[in-house]
Amino acid sequence: MTAEEFTEALAAIGWKQSDLCRKTGLERNTPSRWATGAVPVPGWVPAYLGVLLELKRMHAKYLDPKEGKASD
Protein backbone atom coordinates (compact mmCIF):
# COMPACT_ATOMS: atom_id res chain seq x y z
CA MET A 1 0.00 0.00 0.00
CA THR A 2 1.39 3.37 -0.98
CA ALA A 3 1.20 6.47 1.17
CA GLU A 4 -1.47 7.87 -1.16
CA GLU A 5 -3.53 4.66 -1.02
CA PHE A 6 -3.32 4.73 2.77
CA THR A 7 -4.60 8.30 2.90
CA GLU A 8 -7.37 7.54 0.40
CA ALA A 9 -8.48 4.44 2.32
CA LEU A 10 -8.77 6.40 5.57
CA ALA A 11 -10.80 9.08 3.78
CA ALA A 12 -13.07 6.47 2.19
CA ILE A 13 -13.79 5.01 5.62
CA GLY A 14 -14.33 8.49 7.03
CA TRP A 15 -11.52 8.20 9.56
CA LYS A 16 -8.75 10.56 10.56
CA GLN A 17 -5.31 9.27 11.44
CA SER A 18 -6.21 9.77 15.11
CA ASP A 19 -9.21 7.45 14.69
CA LEU A 20 -6.91 4.71 13.42
CA CYS A 21 -4.62 5.25 16.41
CA ARG A 22 -7.50 4.96 18.87
CA LYS A 23 -8.87 1.81 17.25
CA THR A 24 -5.53 0.03 16.92
CA GLY A 25 -3.40 1.39 19.76
CA LEU A 26 -0.84 2.93 17.41
CA GLU A 27 1.39 5.77 18.52
CA ARG A 28 -0.07 9.05 17.30
CA ASN A 29 2.78 9.82 14.87
CA THR A 30 2.86 6.43 13.17
CA PRO A 31 0.06 7.00 10.61
CA SER A 32 1.51 10.36 9.59
CA ARG A 33 4.82 8.64 8.84
CA TRP A 34 2.96 6.22 6.59
CA ALA A 35 0.97 9.03 4.94
CA THR A 36 4.10 10.97 4.08
CA GLY A 37 5.97 7.89 2.88
CA ALA A 38 8.67 8.31 5.53
CA VAL A 39 8.00 4.74 6.68
CA PRO A 40 6.43 1.96 4.58
CA VAL A 41 2.88 0.94 5.46
CA PRO A 42 3.08 -2.49 7.13
CA GLY A 43 1.28 -5.42 5.55
CA TRP A 44 -1.48 -5.70 8.16
CA VAL A 45 -2.74 -2.16 7.45
CA PRO A 46 -4.10 -2.79 3.93
CA ALA A 47 -5.85 -5.92 5.20
CA TYR A 48 -7.36 -4.06 8.17
CA LEU A 49 -8.50 -1.10 6.08
CA GLY A 50 -9.74 -3.45 3.35
CA VAL A 51 -12.05 -5.18 5.81
CA LEU A 52 -13.39 -1.83 6.98
CA LEU A 53 -13.96 -0.67 3.41
CA GLU A 54 -15.81 -3.89 2.62
CA LEU A 55 -18.01 -3.50 5.70
CA LYS A 56 -18.81 0.05 4.65
CA ARG A 57 -19.67 -1.14 1.13
CA MET A 58 -21.90 -3.91 2.48
CA HIS A 59 -23.63 -1.54 4.87
CA ALA A 60 -24.38 0.87 2.05
CA LYS A 61 -25.68 -1.95 -0.13
CA TYR A 62 -27.80 -3.82 2.39
CA LEU A 63 -28.55 -1.49 5.28
CA ASP A 64 -28.49 2.03 3.85
CA PRO A 65 -30.89 4.04 6.01
CA LYS A 66 -32.06 5.94 2.90
CA GLU A 67 -33.62 2.72 1.69
CA GLY A 68 -35.54 2.18 4.92
CA LYS A 69 -35.18 -1.58 4.59
CA ALA A 70 -32.66 -4.24 3.69
CA SER A 71 -32.27 -4.90 -0.01
CA ASP A 72 -30.89 -7.78 -2.07
C-alpha atoms as a PDB file:
ATOM      1  CA  MET A   1       0.000   0.000   0.000  1.00  0.00           C
ATOM      2  CA  THR A   2       1.394   3.368  -0.979  1.00  0.00           C
ATOM      3  CA  ALA A   3       1.197   6.470   1.172  1.00  0.00           C
ATOM      4  CA  GLU A   4      -1.472   7.867  -1.158  1.00  0.00           C
ATOM      5  CA  GLU A   5      -3.526   4.661  -1.021  1.00  0.00           C
ATOM      6  CA  PHE A   6      -3.316   4.729   2.774  1.00  0.00           C
ATOM      7  CA  THR A   7      -4.602   8.305   2.902  1.00  0.00           C
ATOM      8  CA  GLU A   8      -7.367   7.536   0.397  1.00  0.00           C
ATOM      9  CA  ALA A   9      -8.484   4.439   2.322  1.00  0.00           C
ATOM     10  CA  LEU A  10      -8.772   6.401   5.567  1.00  0.00           C
ATOM     11  CA  ALA A  11     -10.796   9.077   3.780  1.00  0.00           C
ATOM     12  CA  ALA A  12     -13.074   6.469   2.191  1.00  0.00           C
ATOM     13  CA  ILE A  13     -13.792   5.013   5.624  1.00  0.00           C
ATOM     14  CA  GLY A  14     -14.330   8.491   7.029  1.00  0.00           C
ATOM     15  CA  TRP A  15     -11.516   8.203   9.564  1.00  0.00           C
ATOM     16  CA  LYS A  16      -8.753  10.564  10.562  1.00  0.00           C
ATOM     17  CA  GLN A  17      -5.311   9.266  11.440  1.00  0.00           C
ATOM     18  CA  SER A  18      -6.209   9.774  15.106  1.00  0.00           C
ATOM     19  CA  ASP A  19      -9.207   7.448  14.686  1.00  0.00           C
ATOM     20  CA  LEU A  20      -6.913   4.713  13.419  1.00  0.00           C
ATOM     21  CA  CYS A  21      -4.623   5.253  16.410  1.00  0.00           C
ATOM     22  CA  ARG A  22      -7.505   4.959  18.867  1.00  0.00           C
ATOM     23  CA  LYS A  23      -8.872   1.808  17.247  1.00  0.00           C
ATOM     24  CA  THR A  24      -5.527   0.027  16.921  1.00  0.00           C
ATOM     25  CA  GLY A  25      -3.396   1.388  19.761  1.00  0.00           C
ATOM     26  CA  LEU A  26      -0.843   2.928  17.406  1.00  0.00           C
ATOM     27  CA  GLU A  27       1.394   5.771  18.525  1.00  0.00           C
ATOM     28  CA  ARG A  28      -0.066   9.049  17.302  1.00  0.00           C
ATOM     29  CA  ASN A  29       2.780   9.819  14.873  1.00  0.00           C
ATOM     30  CA  THR A  30       2.862   6.434  13.173  1.00  0.00           C
ATOM     31  CA  PRO A  31       0.059   7.002  10.614  1.00  0.00           C
ATOM     32  CA  SER A  32       1.513  10.360   9.590  1.00  0.00           C
ATOM     33  CA  ARG A  33       4.819   8.635   8.838  1.00  0.00           C
ATOM     34  CA  TRP A  34       2.956   6.215   6.591  1.00  0.00           C
ATOM     35  CA  ALA A  35       0.965   9.026   4.944  1.00  0.00           C
ATOM     36  CA  THR A  36       4.102  10.969   4.078  1.00  0.00           C
ATOM     37  CA  GLY A  37       5.968   7.890   2.878  1.00  0.00           C
ATOM     38  CA  ALA A  38       8.672   8.314   5.526  1.00  0.00           C
ATOM     39  CA  VAL A  39       8.003   4.736   6.678  1.00  0.00           C
ATOM     40  CA  PRO A  40       6.427   1.965   4.577  1.00  0.00           C
ATOM     41  CA  VAL A  41       2.882   0.941   5.460  1.00  0.00           C
ATOM     42  CA  PRO A  42       3.078  -2.487   7.129  1.00  0.00           C
ATOM     43  CA  GLY A  43       1.278  -5.422   5.550  1.00  0.00           C
ATOM     44  CA  TRP A  44      -1.477  -5.695   8.156  1.00  0.00           C
ATOM     45  CA  VAL A  45      -2.742  -2.160   7.450  1.00  0.00           C
ATOM     46  CA  PRO A  46      -4.103  -2.788   3.926  1.00  0.00           C
ATOM     47  CA  ALA A  47      -5.845  -5.920   5.204  1.00  0.00           C
ATOM     48  CA  TYR A  48      -7.356  -4.057   8.166  1.00  0.00           C
ATOM     49  CA  LEU A  49      -8.497  -1.102   6.085  1.00  0.00           C
ATOM     50  CA  GLY A  50      -9.735  -3.447   3.346  1.00  0.00           C
ATOM     51  CA  VAL A  51     -12.052  -5.181   5.806  1.00  0.00           C
ATOM     52  CA  LEU A  52     -13.385  -1.827   6.983  1.00  0.00           C
ATOM     53  CA  LEU A  53     -13.957  -0.672   3.407  1.00  0.00           C
ATOM     54  CA  GLU A  54     -15.808  -3.894   2.617  1.00  0.00           C
ATOM     55  CA  LEU A  55     -18.007  -3.502   5.701  1.00  0.00           C
ATOM     56  CA  LYS A  56     -18.807   0.053   4.645  1.00  0.00           C
ATOM     57  CA  ARG A  57     -19.673  -1.143   1.132  1.00  0.00           C
ATOM     58  CA  MET A  58     -21.904  -3.910   2.478  1.00  0.00           C
ATOM     59  CA  HIS A  59     -23.629  -1.539   4.875  1.00  0.00           C
ATOM     60  CA  ALA A  60     -24.381   0.866   2.053  1.00  0.00           C
ATOM     61  CA  LYS A  61     -25.681  -1.947  -0.130  1.00  0.00           C
ATOM     62  CA  TYR A  62     -27.804  -3.817   2.392  1.00  0.00           C
ATOM     63  CA  LEU A  63     -28.552  -1.487   5.281  1.00  0.00           C
ATOM     64  CA  ASP A  64     -28.487   2.026   3.854  1.00  0.00           C
ATOM     65  CA  PRO A  65     -30.893   4.041   6.010  1.00  0.00           C
ATOM     66  CA  LYS A  66     -32.061   5.943   2.902  1.00  0.00           C
ATOM     67  CA  GLU A  67     -33.623   2.722   1.686  1.00  0.00           C
ATOM     68  CA  GLY A  68     -35.544   2.184   4.922  1.00  0.00           C
ATOM     69  CA  LYS A  69     -35.184  -1.584   4.589  1.00  0.00           C
ATOM     70  CA  ALA A  70     -32.658  -4.240   3.692  1.00  0.00           C
ATOM     71  CA  SER A  71     -32.270  -4.903  -0.013  1.00  0.00           C
ATOM     72  CA  ASP A  72     -30.885  -7.781  -2.074  1.00  0.00           C
END
